[in-house]
């Protein structure tokens, strides 16, 4: 089962909700949670590849962005992403954990994640 963490912010290019790495966090918060978020994002910057070529440029008609899903074997990544989800939710940014056996057409993969192109007819929330 592939896992993805999404906010309630819509990504029109990908035709789904933005993930926890895209949405950012509220600027008004200046307490320990910001330090924790930055620590976790720094860890992901060191331990998770960014497959840039699947993020299409906005405005290109007919193009969509790939959506990243954690592979079930990426247990440390998923645990850390759940902590980020908790921190963001505690800061007022709701996060939902999605699970999907078949998240769409697979465009790219490594040992921790896949990038999939979602089906145009798929609902906003992919379960």
N, C-alpha and C. Protein backbone atom coordinates (compact mmCIF):
# COMPACT_ATOMS: atom_id res chain seq x y z
N UNK A 1 0.85 -1.17 0.00
CA UNK A 1 0.00 0.00 0.00
C UNK A 1 0.90 1.25 0.00
N UNK A 2 0.74 2.10 -0.99
CA UNK A 2 1.51 3.34 -1.08
C UNK A 2 0.86 4.39 -0.18
N UNK A 3 1.67 5.29 0.36
CA UNK A 3 1.18 6.28 1.33
C UNK A 3 1.57 7.67 0.88
N UNK A 4 0.64 8.59 1.04
CA UNK A 4 0.86 10.01 0.69
C UNK A 4 0.19 10.85 1.75
N UNK A 5 0.81 11.97 2.10
CA UNK A 5 0.26 12.90 3.08
C UNK A 5 -0.10 14.19 2.36
N UNK A 6 -1.37 14.60 2.45
CA UNK A 6 -1.83 15.77 1.72
C UNK A 6 -2.51 16.78 2.65
N UNK A 7 -2.47 18.03 2.20
CA UNK A 7 -3.16 19.10 2.89
C UNK A 7 -4.47 19.36 2.15
N UNK A 8 -5.21 20.35 2.59
CA UNK A 8 -6.46 20.68 1.90
C UNK A 8 -6.25 21.74 0.82
N UNK A 9 -5.00 22.01 0.48
CA UNK A 9 -4.66 22.98 -0.57
C UNK A 9 -4.60 22.25 -1.90
N UNK A 10 -5.34 22.71 -2.87
CA UNK A 10 -5.44 22.04 -4.17
C UNK A 10 -4.26 22.38 -5.07
N UNK A 11 -3.72 21.38 -5.74
CA UNK A 11 -2.68 21.54 -6.75
C UNK A 11 -3.35 21.26 -8.10
N UNK A 12 -3.72 22.30 -8.82
CA UNK A 12 -4.46 22.14 -10.07
C UNK A 12 -3.66 21.42 -11.14
N UNK A 13 -2.35 21.61 -11.16
CA UNK A 13 -1.51 20.96 -12.16
C UNK A 13 -1.51 19.44 -11.98
N UNK A 14 -1.45 18.99 -10.73
CA UNK A 14 -1.46 17.55 -10.46
C UNK A 14 -2.88 17.00 -10.33
N UNK A 15 -3.86 17.89 -10.27
CA UNK A 15 -5.27 17.52 -10.12
C UNK A 15 -5.53 16.73 -8.85
N UNK A 16 -4.89 17.16 -7.77
CA UNK A 16 -5.08 16.56 -6.46
C UNK A 16 -4.62 17.56 -5.40
N UNK A 17 -4.64 17.15 -4.13
CA UNK A 17 -4.20 18.05 -3.07
C UNK A 17 -2.68 18.10 -2.99
N UNK A 18 -2.16 19.23 -2.47
CA UNK A 18 -0.72 19.37 -2.29
C UNK A 18 -0.24 18.49 -1.14
N UNK A 19 0.94 17.99 -1.32
CA UNK A 19 1.56 17.18 -0.28
C UNK A 19 2.20 18.05 0.80
N UNK A 20 2.70 17.40 1.84
CA UNK A 20 3.26 18.12 2.99
C UNK A 20 4.56 18.83 2.67
N UNK A 21 5.22 18.49 1.58
CA UNK A 21 6.46 19.17 1.23
C UNK A 21 6.21 20.38 0.34
N UNK A 22 5.04 20.50 -0.22
CA UNK A 22 4.69 21.62 -1.10
C UNK A 22 3.99 22.75 -0.35
N UNK A 23 3.21 22.42 0.63
CA UNK A 23 2.27 23.38 1.20
C UNK A 23 2.89 24.41 2.14
N UNK A 24 4.06 24.12 2.69
CA UNK A 24 4.67 25.06 3.63
C UNK A 24 3.97 25.04 4.97
N UNK A 25 4.15 26.10 5.75
CA UNK A 25 3.50 26.18 7.05
C UNK A 25 3.17 27.62 7.36
N UNK A 26 2.28 27.86 8.32
CA UNK A 26 1.86 29.22 8.63
C UNK A 26 3.02 30.08 9.11
N UNK A 27 3.11 31.30 8.60
CA UNK A 27 4.19 32.22 8.98
C UNK A 27 4.03 32.76 10.39
N UNK A 28 2.82 32.71 10.91
CA UNK A 28 2.57 33.30 12.24
C UNK A 28 3.18 32.48 13.37
N UNK A 29 3.49 31.23 13.13
CA UNK A 29 3.99 30.35 14.19
C UNK A 29 5.49 30.55 14.33
N UNK A 30 5.94 30.79 15.54
CA UNK A 30 7.37 31.03 15.77
C UNK A 30 7.88 30.23 16.96
N UNK A 31 7.25 29.15 17.29
CA UNK A 31 7.67 28.38 18.46
C UNK A 31 8.47 27.14 18.06
N UNK A 32 8.57 26.19 18.96
CA UNK A 32 9.38 24.99 18.79
C UNK A 32 8.98 24.17 17.57
N UNK A 33 7.73 24.30 17.13
CA UNK A 33 7.26 23.50 16.00
C UNK A 33 8.00 23.86 14.71
N UNK A 34 8.33 25.13 14.55
CA UNK A 34 9.09 25.56 13.36
C UNK A 34 10.47 24.89 13.36
N UNK A 35 11.12 24.86 14.51
CA UNK A 35 12.42 24.21 14.63
C UNK A 35 12.32 22.73 14.29
N UNK A 36 11.28 22.09 14.80
CA UNK A 36 11.07 20.67 14.52
C UNK A 36 10.79 20.42 13.04
N UNK A 37 9.93 21.24 12.44
CA UNK A 37 9.64 21.10 11.01
C UNK A 37 10.91 21.26 10.18
N UNK A 38 11.69 22.29 10.50
CA UNK A 38 12.91 22.52 9.74
C UNK A 38 13.87 21.35 9.89
N UNK A 39 13.97 20.79 11.08
CA UNK A 39 14.83 19.63 11.31
C UNK A 39 14.39 18.44 10.46
N UNK A 40 13.08 18.20 10.41
CA UNK A 40 12.55 17.09 9.62
C UNK A 40 12.71 17.35 8.12
N UNK A 41 12.41 18.56 7.67
CA UNK A 41 12.59 18.88 6.25
C UNK A 41 14.07 18.75 5.85
N UNK A 42 14.98 19.14 6.73
CA UNK A 42 16.41 18.98 6.45
C UNK A 42 16.76 17.50 6.29
N UNK A 43 16.18 16.66 7.16
CA UNK A 43 16.43 15.22 7.06
C UNK A 43 15.96 14.70 5.69
N UNK A 44 14.75 15.08 5.29
CA UNK A 44 14.23 14.65 3.99
C UNK A 44 15.08 15.18 2.85
N UNK A 45 15.61 16.38 2.96
CA UNK A 45 16.49 16.92 1.91
C UNK A 45 17.73 16.07 1.73
N UNK A 46 18.18 15.43 2.81
CA UNK A 46 19.36 14.56 2.75
C UNK A 46 19.02 13.12 2.36
N UNK A 47 17.79 12.68 2.62
CA UNK A 47 17.47 11.26 2.48
C UNK A 47 16.34 10.93 1.50
N UNK A 48 15.90 11.88 0.71
CA UNK A 48 14.84 11.61 -0.25
C UNK A 48 15.12 12.37 -1.54
N UNK A 49 15.17 11.63 -2.64
CA UNK A 49 15.43 12.24 -3.95
C UNK A 49 14.25 13.12 -4.36
N UNK A 50 14.56 14.17 -5.13
CA UNK A 50 13.53 15.04 -5.69
C UNK A 50 13.50 14.80 -7.19
N UNK A 51 12.50 14.06 -7.67
CA UNK A 51 12.42 13.77 -9.11
C UNK A 51 11.83 14.95 -9.88
N UNK A 52 12.61 15.99 -10.09
CA UNK A 52 12.15 17.25 -10.66
C UNK A 52 11.54 17.14 -12.06
N UNK A 53 11.99 16.24 -12.86
CA UNK A 53 11.54 16.22 -14.25
C UNK A 53 10.07 15.88 -14.41
N UNK A 54 9.42 15.40 -13.36
CA UNK A 54 8.00 15.06 -13.46
C UNK A 54 7.08 16.16 -12.96
N UNK A 55 7.67 17.28 -12.57
CA UNK A 55 6.86 18.43 -12.16
C UNK A 55 6.81 19.38 -13.34
N UNK A 56 5.72 19.32 -14.07
CA UNK A 56 5.58 20.10 -15.30
C UNK A 56 5.41 21.58 -15.00
N UNK A 57 5.80 22.39 -15.97
CA UNK A 57 5.66 23.83 -15.81
C UNK A 57 4.20 24.25 -15.91
N UNK A 58 3.75 25.15 -15.01
CA UNK A 58 2.36 25.63 -15.07
C UNK A 58 2.08 26.30 -16.41
N UNK A 59 0.84 26.14 -16.87
CA UNK A 59 0.43 26.82 -18.08
C UNK A 59 0.61 26.02 -19.34
N UNK A 60 1.31 24.91 -19.27
CA UNK A 60 1.48 24.08 -20.47
C UNK A 60 0.24 23.22 -20.63
N UNK A 61 -0.55 23.55 -21.60
CA UNK A 61 -1.84 22.89 -21.81
C UNK A 61 -1.66 21.38 -22.01
N UNK A 62 -2.48 20.62 -21.29
CA UNK A 62 -2.46 19.18 -21.43
C UNK A 62 -1.44 18.47 -20.57
N UNK A 63 -0.59 19.20 -19.86
CA UNK A 63 0.43 18.58 -19.04
C UNK A 63 -0.01 18.55 -17.58
N UNK A 64 0.39 17.48 -16.91
CA UNK A 64 0.09 17.34 -15.49
C UNK A 64 1.36 16.96 -14.75
N UNK A 65 1.37 17.25 -13.47
CA UNK A 65 2.52 16.90 -12.65
C UNK A 65 2.34 15.51 -12.07
N UNK A 66 3.45 14.81 -11.89
CA UNK A 66 3.40 13.54 -11.19
C UNK A 66 3.21 13.78 -9.71
N UNK A 67 2.68 12.78 -9.02
CA UNK A 67 2.41 12.87 -7.59
C UNK A 67 3.27 11.82 -6.89
N UNK A 68 3.95 12.23 -5.82
CA UNK A 68 4.85 11.33 -5.10
C UNK A 68 4.11 10.55 -4.01
N UNK A 69 4.41 9.27 -3.93
CA UNK A 69 3.87 8.37 -2.92
C UNK A 69 5.03 7.63 -2.27
N UNK A 70 4.97 7.46 -0.96
CA UNK A 70 5.97 6.64 -0.28
C UNK A 70 5.70 5.17 -0.57
N UNK A 71 6.77 4.42 -0.78
CA UNK A 71 6.65 2.97 -0.91
C UNK A 71 6.46 2.40 0.50
N UNK A 72 5.77 1.29 0.65
CA UNK A 72 5.52 0.74 1.99
C UNK A 72 6.80 0.38 2.74
N UNK A 73 7.87 0.08 2.02
CA UNK A 73 9.14 -0.29 2.65
C UNK A 73 9.86 0.90 3.27
N UNK A 74 9.46 2.11 2.96
CA UNK A 74 10.15 3.32 3.43
C UNK A 74 9.65 3.68 4.84
N UNK A 75 9.83 2.78 5.77
CA UNK A 75 9.23 2.95 7.10
C UNK A 75 9.74 4.17 7.86
N UNK A 76 11.04 4.44 7.81
CA UNK A 76 11.54 5.63 8.51
C UNK A 76 11.01 6.91 7.87
N UNK A 77 10.95 6.95 6.57
CA UNK A 77 10.41 8.11 5.86
C UNK A 77 8.95 8.34 6.23
N UNK A 78 8.18 7.27 6.27
CA UNK A 78 6.76 7.37 6.61
C UNK A 78 6.58 7.83 8.05
N UNK A 79 7.37 7.30 8.96
CA UNK A 79 7.29 7.72 10.36
C UNK A 79 7.60 9.21 10.51
N UNK A 80 8.63 9.67 9.83
CA UNK A 80 8.99 11.09 9.89
C UNK A 80 7.93 11.96 9.21
N UNK A 81 7.34 11.48 8.12
CA UNK A 81 6.28 12.22 7.44
C UNK A 81 5.04 12.32 8.35
N UNK A 82 4.75 11.28 9.10
CA UNK A 82 3.63 11.33 10.05
C UNK A 82 3.89 12.38 11.12
N UNK A 83 5.13 12.52 11.55
CA UNK A 83 5.48 13.55 12.54
C UNK A 83 5.28 14.94 11.93
N UNK A 84 5.72 15.13 10.68
CA UNK A 84 5.49 16.41 10.00
C UNK A 84 3.99 16.67 9.90
N UNK A 85 3.22 15.65 9.54
CA UNK A 85 1.77 15.81 9.43
C UNK A 85 1.17 16.24 10.77
N UNK A 86 1.64 15.65 11.85
CA UNK A 86 1.15 16.02 13.17
C UNK A 86 1.51 17.48 13.49
N UNK A 87 2.76 17.86 13.22
CA UNK A 87 3.20 19.23 13.48
C UNK A 87 2.36 20.22 12.67
N UNK A 88 2.19 19.97 11.39
CA UNK A 88 1.40 20.88 10.55
C UNK A 88 -0.04 20.96 11.04
N UNK A 89 -0.63 19.83 11.38
CA UNK A 89 -2.01 19.83 11.89
C UNK A 89 -2.11 20.63 13.18
N UNK A 90 -1.11 20.49 14.04
CA UNK A 90 -1.09 21.23 15.30
C UNK A 90 -0.95 22.74 15.07
N UNK A 91 -0.42 23.10 13.90
CA UNK A 91 -0.24 24.50 13.54
C UNK A 91 -1.42 25.04 12.72
N UNK A 92 -2.45 24.22 12.54
CA UNK A 92 -3.64 24.69 11.84
C UNK A 92 -3.70 24.34 10.36
N UNK A 93 -2.79 23.49 9.90
CA UNK A 93 -2.80 23.04 8.50
C UNK A 93 -3.24 21.57 8.51
N UNK A 94 -4.51 21.29 8.20
CA UNK A 94 -4.98 19.91 8.25
C UNK A 94 -4.24 19.02 7.24
N UNK A 95 -3.87 17.82 7.69
CA UNK A 95 -3.17 16.86 6.84
C UNK A 95 -3.92 15.53 6.90
N UNK A 96 -4.07 14.91 5.74
CA UNK A 96 -4.72 13.61 5.64
C UNK A 96 -3.71 12.59 5.11
N UNK A 97 -3.70 11.41 5.71
CA UNK A 97 -2.86 10.32 5.22
C UNK A 97 -3.69 9.48 4.26
N UNK A 98 -3.20 9.37 3.02
CA UNK A 98 -3.89 8.59 2.00
C UNK A 98 -3.14 7.28 1.78
N UNK A 99 -3.88 6.24 1.48
CA UNK A 99 -3.30 4.93 1.15
C UNK A 99 -3.94 4.47 -0.15
N UNK A 100 -3.10 3.88 -1.00
CA UNK A 100 -3.61 3.47 -2.30
C UNK A 100 -2.79 2.30 -2.82
N UNK A 101 -3.46 1.27 -3.27
CA UNK A 101 -2.76 0.12 -3.86
C UNK A 101 -2.26 0.43 -5.27
N UNK A 102 -3.00 1.29 -5.98
CA UNK A 102 -2.66 1.64 -7.36
C UNK A 102 -2.84 3.14 -7.55
N UNK A 103 -1.82 3.94 -7.23
CA UNK A 103 -1.97 5.40 -7.30
C UNK A 103 -1.97 6.00 -8.69
N UNK A 104 -1.81 5.21 -9.73
CA UNK A 104 -1.83 5.74 -11.09
C UNK A 104 -0.67 5.21 -11.91
N UNK A 105 -0.51 5.78 -13.09
CA UNK A 105 0.56 5.36 -13.99
C UNK A 105 1.91 5.74 -13.39
N UNK A 106 2.74 4.76 -13.17
CA UNK A 106 4.05 4.97 -12.55
C UNK A 106 5.01 5.59 -13.57
N UNK A 107 5.58 6.75 -13.19
CA UNK A 107 6.51 7.45 -14.07
C UNK A 107 7.96 7.26 -13.65
N UNK A 108 8.18 7.07 -12.36
CA UNK A 108 9.54 7.01 -11.81
C UNK A 108 9.46 6.33 -10.46
N UNK A 109 10.57 5.73 -10.02
CA UNK A 109 10.61 5.14 -8.68
C UNK A 109 12.04 5.03 -8.20
N UNK A 110 12.20 5.00 -6.89
CA UNK A 110 13.45 4.63 -6.27
C UNK A 110 13.10 3.74 -5.08
N UNK A 111 14.02 3.55 -4.15
CA UNK A 111 13.75 2.63 -3.04
C UNK A 111 12.77 3.18 -2.02
N UNK A 112 12.51 4.50 -2.03
CA UNK A 112 11.65 5.12 -1.02
C UNK A 112 10.30 5.60 -1.54
N UNK A 113 10.20 5.86 -2.82
CA UNK A 113 8.99 6.50 -3.34
C UNK A 113 8.75 6.15 -4.80
N UNK A 114 7.53 6.47 -5.24
CA UNK A 114 7.21 6.42 -6.66
C UNK A 114 6.61 7.77 -7.04
N UNK A 115 6.69 8.08 -8.31
CA UNK A 115 5.97 9.23 -8.86
C UNK A 115 4.94 8.64 -9.82
N UNK A 116 3.69 9.00 -9.59
CA UNK A 116 2.61 8.46 -10.42
C UNK A 116 1.80 9.59 -11.02
N UNK A 117 1.32 9.36 -12.20
CA UNK A 117 0.42 10.29 -12.87
C UNK A 117 -1.00 9.85 -12.54
N UNK A 118 -1.74 10.71 -11.85
CA UNK A 118 -3.09 10.34 -11.43
C UNK A 118 -4.03 10.29 -12.62
N UNK A 119 -5.02 9.47 -12.52
CA UNK A 119 -6.04 9.32 -13.54
C UNK A 119 -6.90 10.58 -13.58
N UNK A 120 -7.17 11.11 -14.75
CA UNK A 120 -8.00 12.32 -14.89
C UNK A 120 -9.38 12.15 -14.26
N UNK A 121 -9.90 10.94 -14.29
CA UNK A 121 -11.25 10.71 -13.76
C UNK A 121 -11.24 10.42 -12.27
N UNK A 122 -10.05 10.32 -11.67
CA UNK A 122 -9.96 9.98 -10.26
C UNK A 122 -10.53 11.10 -9.40
N UNK A 123 -11.14 10.78 -8.27
CA UNK A 123 -11.63 11.81 -7.37
C UNK A 123 -10.48 12.61 -6.79
N UNK A 124 -10.78 13.76 -6.19
CA UNK A 124 -9.75 14.60 -5.59
C UNK A 124 -8.92 13.84 -4.57
N UNK A 125 -9.59 13.12 -3.71
CA UNK A 125 -8.88 12.35 -2.68
C UNK A 125 -8.75 10.92 -3.16
N UNK A 126 -7.51 10.49 -3.32
CA UNK A 126 -7.26 9.13 -3.80
C UNK A 126 -7.09 8.22 -2.59
N UNK A 127 -7.94 7.24 -2.44
CA UNK A 127 -7.84 6.32 -1.30
C UNK A 127 -7.50 4.93 -1.77
